[in-house]
N, C-alpha and C. Protein backbone atom coordinates (compact mmCIF):
# COMPACT_ATOMS: atom_id res chain seq x y z
N MET A 1 273.13 27.50 131.57
CA MET A 1 272.89 28.70 132.33
C MET A 1 273.97 29.73 131.98
N ALA A 2 273.56 30.96 131.69
CA ALA A 2 274.50 32.01 131.30
C ALA A 2 275.29 32.48 132.50
N GLU A 3 276.54 32.74 132.25
CA GLU A 3 277.42 33.22 133.31
C GLU A 3 277.36 34.75 133.35
N HIS A 4 277.18 35.32 134.55
CA HIS A 4 277.14 36.77 134.70
C HIS A 4 278.51 37.24 135.14
N LYS A 5 279.08 38.13 134.35
CA LYS A 5 280.38 38.67 134.69
C LYS A 5 280.22 40.04 135.32
N GLN A 6 281.06 40.32 136.30
CA GLN A 6 281.11 41.65 136.89
C GLN A 6 281.69 42.60 135.86
N PRO A 7 281.15 43.82 135.75
CA PRO A 7 281.77 44.77 134.83
C PRO A 7 283.18 45.08 135.34
N SER A 8 284.11 45.12 134.43
CA SER A 8 285.49 45.37 134.85
C SER A 8 285.71 46.85 135.07
N ILE A 9 286.46 47.16 136.09
CA ILE A 9 286.82 48.54 136.38
C ILE A 9 288.13 48.82 135.66
N GLN A 10 288.13 49.86 134.88
CA GLN A 10 289.32 50.20 134.12
C GLN A 10 290.44 50.59 135.07
N PRO A 11 291.65 50.12 134.81
CA PRO A 11 292.76 50.51 135.66
C PRO A 11 293.06 52.00 135.50
N PHE A 12 293.65 52.54 136.51
CA PHE A 12 294.02 53.96 136.45
C PHE A 12 295.23 54.12 135.55
N ILE A 13 295.33 55.26 134.92
CA ILE A 13 296.47 55.57 134.06
C ILE A 13 297.74 55.64 134.90
N CYS A 14 297.61 56.25 136.09
CA CYS A 14 298.74 56.40 137.00
C CYS A 14 298.19 56.70 138.39
N GLY A 15 299.06 56.86 139.34
CA GLY A 15 298.64 57.18 140.70
C GLY A 15 297.90 58.50 140.80
N LEU A 16 298.32 59.47 140.01
CA LEU A 16 297.63 60.76 140.01
C LEU A 16 296.19 60.60 139.55
N ASP A 17 295.96 59.78 138.55
CA ASP A 17 294.61 59.50 138.06
C ASP A 17 293.76 58.91 139.18
N ALA A 18 294.33 57.97 139.94
CA ALA A 18 293.61 57.36 141.06
C ALA A 18 293.26 58.41 142.12
N ALA A 19 294.24 59.25 142.46
CA ALA A 19 294.02 60.28 143.47
C ALA A 19 292.97 61.29 143.01
N LEU A 20 293.01 61.66 141.73
CA LEU A 20 292.04 62.63 141.21
C LEU A 20 290.62 62.06 141.19
N GLN A 21 290.49 60.75 141.09
CA GLN A 21 289.16 60.14 141.16
C GLN A 21 288.52 60.41 142.51
N VAL A 22 289.33 60.45 143.54
CA VAL A 22 288.82 60.68 144.90
C VAL A 22 288.65 62.16 145.19
N MET A 23 289.58 62.99 144.75
CA MET A 23 289.54 64.39 145.15
C MET A 23 289.15 65.35 144.03
N SER A 24 288.61 64.81 142.93
CA SER A 24 288.19 65.70 141.85
C SER A 24 286.99 66.52 142.31
N GLY A 25 286.94 67.72 141.88
CA GLY A 25 285.90 68.65 142.29
C GLY A 25 286.56 69.89 142.83
N LYS A 26 285.99 71.01 142.54
CA LYS A 26 286.60 72.29 142.90
C LYS A 26 286.80 72.44 144.40
N TRP A 27 285.90 71.90 145.21
CA TRP A 27 285.90 72.18 146.64
C TRP A 27 286.54 71.09 147.49
N LYS A 28 286.70 69.91 146.97
CA LYS A 28 287.21 68.81 147.79
C LYS A 28 288.59 69.06 148.39
N PRO A 29 289.54 69.60 147.64
CA PRO A 29 290.84 69.87 148.27
C PRO A 29 290.74 70.83 149.45
N LEU A 30 289.89 71.85 149.34
CA LEU A 30 289.71 72.79 150.45
C LEU A 30 289.01 72.13 151.63
N ILE A 31 288.03 71.29 151.36
CA ILE A 31 287.36 70.55 152.43
C ILE A 31 288.40 69.70 153.17
N LEU A 32 289.23 68.99 152.42
CA LEU A 32 290.28 68.18 153.03
C LEU A 32 291.23 69.03 153.86
N PHE A 33 291.63 70.16 153.34
CA PHE A 33 292.55 71.05 154.03
C PHE A 33 291.99 71.46 155.39
N PHE A 34 290.74 71.91 155.42
CA PHE A 34 290.16 72.39 156.68
C PHE A 34 289.83 71.26 157.65
N LEU A 35 289.42 70.11 157.14
CA LEU A 35 289.14 68.98 158.04
C LEU A 35 290.42 68.36 158.58
N ALA A 36 291.54 68.54 157.88
CA ALA A 36 292.82 68.01 158.37
C ALA A 36 293.25 68.76 159.63
N LYS A 37 292.80 70.00 159.77
CA LYS A 37 293.16 70.79 160.95
C LYS A 37 292.37 70.34 162.18
N GLU A 38 291.08 70.06 161.98
CA GLU A 38 290.22 69.62 163.08
C GLU A 38 288.85 69.22 162.53
N PRO A 39 288.15 68.34 163.25
CA PRO A 39 286.78 68.01 162.85
C PRO A 39 285.92 69.28 162.91
N ARG A 40 284.93 69.34 162.04
CA ARG A 40 284.11 70.55 161.98
C ARG A 40 282.65 70.20 161.76
N ARG A 41 281.80 71.07 162.29
CA ARG A 41 280.37 70.98 162.00
C ARG A 41 280.12 71.61 160.63
N TYR A 42 278.97 71.32 160.07
CA TYR A 42 278.66 71.77 158.70
C TYR A 42 278.80 73.29 158.55
N GLY A 43 278.15 74.05 159.42
CA GLY A 43 278.17 75.51 159.30
C GLY A 43 279.58 76.07 159.40
N GLU A 44 280.38 75.49 160.28
CA GLU A 44 281.76 75.93 160.43
C GLU A 44 282.55 75.66 159.15
N LEU A 45 282.34 74.47 158.59
CA LEU A 45 283.02 74.11 157.35
C LEU A 45 282.59 75.03 156.21
N LYS A 46 281.31 75.37 156.16
CA LYS A 46 280.79 76.27 155.12
C LYS A 46 281.45 77.64 155.21
N ARG A 47 281.67 78.12 156.44
CA ARG A 47 282.34 79.41 156.60
C ARG A 47 283.81 79.34 156.17
N CYS A 48 284.44 78.20 156.39
CA CYS A 48 285.85 78.03 156.00
C CYS A 48 286.01 78.00 154.48
N VAL A 49 285.13 77.25 153.82
CA VAL A 49 285.22 77.06 152.37
C VAL A 49 284.38 78.15 151.71
N ARG A 50 284.91 79.35 151.70
CA ARG A 50 284.17 80.51 151.19
C ARG A 50 283.81 80.35 149.72
N GLY A 51 282.56 80.70 149.41
CA GLY A 51 282.12 80.68 148.02
C GLY A 51 281.38 79.43 147.59
N VAL A 52 281.41 78.38 148.40
CA VAL A 52 280.72 77.14 148.04
C VAL A 52 279.24 77.25 148.39
N SER A 53 278.39 76.74 147.51
CA SER A 53 276.95 76.73 147.80
C SER A 53 276.64 75.55 148.73
N ASP A 54 275.50 75.63 149.40
CA ASP A 54 275.08 74.53 150.27
C ASP A 54 274.96 73.23 149.48
N LYS A 55 274.33 73.32 148.31
CA LYS A 55 274.12 72.13 147.48
C LYS A 55 275.46 71.47 147.13
N MET A 56 276.43 72.26 146.73
CA MET A 56 277.72 71.71 146.32
C MET A 56 278.50 71.17 147.51
N LEU A 57 278.47 71.87 148.64
CA LEU A 57 279.18 71.38 149.82
C LEU A 57 278.61 70.05 150.28
N ILE A 58 277.30 69.95 150.31
CA ILE A 58 276.65 68.69 150.71
C ILE A 58 277.03 67.57 149.74
N GLN A 59 276.98 67.86 148.44
CA GLN A 59 277.32 66.85 147.43
C GLN A 59 278.77 66.39 147.58
N GLN A 60 279.69 67.34 147.74
CA GLN A 60 281.11 66.98 147.84
C GLN A 60 281.38 66.20 149.14
N LEU A 61 280.73 66.58 150.23
CA LEU A 61 280.90 65.85 151.49
C LEU A 61 280.37 64.41 151.36
N LYS A 62 279.23 64.25 150.69
CA LYS A 62 278.68 62.91 150.49
C LYS A 62 279.61 62.04 149.65
N GLU A 63 280.18 62.63 148.61
CA GLU A 63 281.12 61.89 147.76
C GLU A 63 282.37 61.50 148.56
N LEU A 64 282.90 62.42 149.35
CA LEU A 64 284.07 62.11 150.17
C LEU A 64 283.76 61.04 151.21
N GLU A 65 282.54 61.08 151.72
CA GLU A 65 282.12 60.05 152.68
C GLU A 65 282.02 58.68 151.99
N MET A 66 281.43 58.65 150.80
CA MET A 66 281.31 57.39 150.05
C MET A 66 282.68 56.84 149.67
N ASP A 67 283.65 57.71 149.45
CA ASP A 67 285.01 57.29 149.09
C ASP A 67 285.84 56.90 150.31
N GLY A 68 285.25 57.03 151.50
CA GLY A 68 285.96 56.63 152.71
C GLY A 68 286.96 57.65 153.21
N VAL A 69 286.85 58.89 152.73
CA VAL A 69 287.78 59.95 153.11
C VAL A 69 287.27 60.72 154.33
N VAL A 70 285.97 60.94 154.38
CA VAL A 70 285.33 61.71 155.44
C VAL A 70 284.39 60.81 156.23
N VAL A 71 284.38 61.02 157.55
CA VAL A 71 283.44 60.32 158.43
C VAL A 71 282.45 61.35 158.94
N ARG A 72 281.17 61.04 158.77
CA ARG A 72 280.09 61.92 159.22
C ARG A 72 279.46 61.30 160.45
N THR A 73 279.43 62.06 161.55
CA THR A 73 278.82 61.58 162.79
C THR A 73 277.61 62.44 163.10
N ASP A 74 276.44 61.80 163.10
CA ASP A 74 275.19 62.48 163.43
C ASP A 74 274.87 62.13 164.88
N TYR A 75 274.82 63.11 165.74
CA TYR A 75 274.61 62.88 167.17
C TYR A 75 273.13 62.73 167.53
N LYS A 76 272.24 62.81 166.55
CA LYS A 76 270.80 62.60 166.75
C LYS A 76 270.26 63.48 167.88
N GLU A 77 270.66 64.75 167.84
CA GLU A 77 270.21 65.71 168.83
C GLU A 77 269.33 66.76 168.19
N ILE A 78 268.60 67.47 169.03
CA ILE A 78 267.81 68.60 168.56
C ILE A 78 268.31 69.81 169.33
N PRO A 79 268.78 70.87 168.68
CA PRO A 79 268.94 70.99 167.24
C PRO A 79 269.99 70.01 166.71
N PRO A 80 269.90 69.72 165.42
CA PRO A 80 270.80 68.71 164.84
C PRO A 80 272.28 69.08 165.05
N ARG A 81 273.07 68.07 165.37
CA ARG A 81 274.52 68.26 165.50
C ARG A 81 275.19 67.14 164.71
N VAL A 82 275.89 67.55 163.65
CA VAL A 82 276.61 66.62 162.78
C VAL A 82 278.05 67.08 162.73
N LEU A 83 278.97 66.13 162.86
CA LEU A 83 280.40 66.45 162.83
C LEU A 83 281.05 65.72 161.67
N TYR A 84 281.88 66.44 160.93
CA TYR A 84 282.64 65.86 159.83
C TYR A 84 284.10 65.82 160.23
N GLU A 85 284.74 64.68 159.96
CA GLU A 85 286.17 64.55 160.23
C GLU A 85 286.79 63.61 159.21
N LEU A 86 288.10 63.67 159.09
CA LEU A 86 288.79 62.80 158.15
C LEU A 86 288.98 61.41 158.76
N SER A 87 288.86 60.41 157.92
CA SER A 87 289.20 59.04 158.29
C SER A 87 290.72 58.91 158.21
N PRO A 88 291.30 57.81 158.69
CA PRO A 88 292.74 57.62 158.49
C PRO A 88 293.12 57.69 157.00
N PHE A 89 292.28 57.13 156.14
CA PHE A 89 292.49 57.21 154.70
C PHE A 89 292.48 58.67 154.24
N GLY A 90 291.55 59.46 154.78
CA GLY A 90 291.47 60.88 154.46
C GLY A 90 292.68 61.66 154.93
N PHE A 91 293.19 61.31 156.13
CA PHE A 91 294.40 61.98 156.62
C PHE A 91 295.60 61.67 155.72
N SER A 92 295.65 60.45 155.18
CA SER A 92 296.77 60.12 154.29
C SER A 92 296.68 60.94 153.01
N LEU A 93 295.47 61.17 152.51
CA LEU A 93 295.29 62.00 151.32
C LEU A 93 295.61 63.46 151.63
N ALA A 94 295.14 63.95 152.77
CA ALA A 94 295.42 65.34 153.15
C ALA A 94 296.92 65.56 153.30
N GLY A 95 297.62 64.57 153.84
CA GLY A 95 299.07 64.67 153.98
C GLY A 95 299.76 64.77 152.63
N ALA A 96 299.21 64.08 151.64
CA ALA A 96 299.78 64.14 150.30
C ALA A 96 299.58 65.51 149.68
N LEU A 97 298.56 66.24 150.13
CA LEU A 97 298.29 67.57 149.58
C LEU A 97 299.16 68.66 150.21
N MET A 98 299.77 68.38 151.34
CA MET A 98 300.54 69.41 152.05
C MET A 98 301.67 70.00 151.21
N PRO A 99 302.43 69.21 150.45
CA PRO A 99 303.44 69.84 149.59
C PRO A 99 302.82 70.81 148.57
N LEU A 100 301.64 70.52 148.09
CA LEU A 100 300.96 71.42 147.16
C LEU A 100 300.56 72.71 147.89
N CYS A 101 300.10 72.58 149.13
CA CYS A 101 299.78 73.77 149.93
C CYS A 101 301.02 74.62 150.13
N ASP A 102 302.14 73.98 150.46
CA ASP A 102 303.39 74.70 150.66
C ASP A 102 303.81 75.43 149.37
N TRP A 103 303.68 74.74 148.25
CA TRP A 103 304.03 75.34 146.96
C TRP A 103 303.16 76.58 146.71
N GLY A 104 301.86 76.47 146.99
CA GLY A 104 300.95 77.60 146.81
C GLY A 104 301.33 78.78 147.69
N GLU A 105 301.70 78.50 148.94
CA GLU A 105 302.13 79.58 149.86
C GLU A 105 303.38 80.25 149.32
N GLU A 106 304.34 79.45 148.90
CA GLU A 106 305.62 79.99 148.42
C GLU A 106 305.47 80.80 147.13
N ASN A 107 304.48 80.48 146.34
CA ASN A 107 304.32 81.11 145.03
C ASN A 107 303.07 81.98 144.91
N ALA A 108 302.44 82.29 146.04
CA ALA A 108 301.19 83.05 146.01
C ALA A 108 301.35 84.39 145.29
N TYR A 109 302.45 85.07 145.50
CA TYR A 109 302.65 86.37 144.86
C TYR A 109 302.70 86.23 143.34
N ILE A 110 303.44 85.25 142.85
CA ILE A 110 303.55 85.04 141.40
C ILE A 110 302.19 84.66 140.82
N ILE A 111 301.47 83.79 141.51
CA ILE A 111 300.15 83.35 141.05
C ILE A 111 299.21 84.54 140.98
N LYS A 112 299.22 85.37 142.02
CA LYS A 112 298.35 86.55 142.06
C LYS A 112 298.69 87.50 140.91
N LYS A 113 299.99 87.72 140.68
CA LYS A 113 300.45 88.61 139.61
C LYS A 113 300.00 88.07 138.25
N ASN A 114 300.16 86.76 138.03
CA ASN A 114 299.77 86.15 136.75
C ASN A 114 298.27 86.21 136.54
N LEU A 115 297.49 86.00 137.59
CA LEU A 115 296.03 86.09 137.47
C LEU A 115 295.60 87.50 137.11
N ALA A 116 296.24 88.50 137.73
CA ALA A 116 295.91 89.89 137.43
C ALA A 116 296.25 90.21 135.98
N ALA A 117 297.39 89.74 135.51
CA ALA A 117 297.79 89.98 134.12
C ALA A 117 296.82 89.30 133.16
N LYS A 118 296.39 88.12 133.50
CA LYS A 118 295.44 87.39 132.64
C LYS A 118 294.12 88.14 132.56
N ARG A 119 293.65 88.66 133.70
CA ARG A 119 292.40 89.43 133.72
C ARG A 119 292.53 90.69 132.88
N ASN A 120 293.68 91.34 132.97
CA ASN A 120 293.89 92.57 132.18
C ASN A 120 293.90 92.26 130.70
N ASP A 121 294.47 91.11 130.31
CA ASP A 121 294.50 90.72 128.89
C ASP A 121 293.11 90.42 128.37
N GLN A 122 292.23 89.90 129.24
CA GLN A 122 290.88 89.54 128.82
C GLN A 122 289.94 90.75 128.77
N ALA A 123 290.33 91.82 129.43
CA ALA A 123 289.46 93.02 129.48
C ALA A 123 289.54 93.83 128.22
């Protein structure tokens, strides 16, 4: 009888590689940021994460839920009421992002200036 082996999962290159597997995607860091402040309903979250399409927000929320970062609670009411919040695992990831948020706040002026210069060079 042939032995069936489980496909092996490749190890991560480093911790950053592991973290990026969970939070890769343009919108996931922003979703984490806003859910770290408080649980939110879908429409509220959509207003917070400006520029995201419905399709992409739904996809990213589903991926975060599958990764154990986000908990989705459907209250089975009419009209529908669904609440998204971070799991303890999600809060640990959001906490790891806080230094990056602080860095962005501290350097927002430089980033804005560099983006404007880059746009001018491309024009």
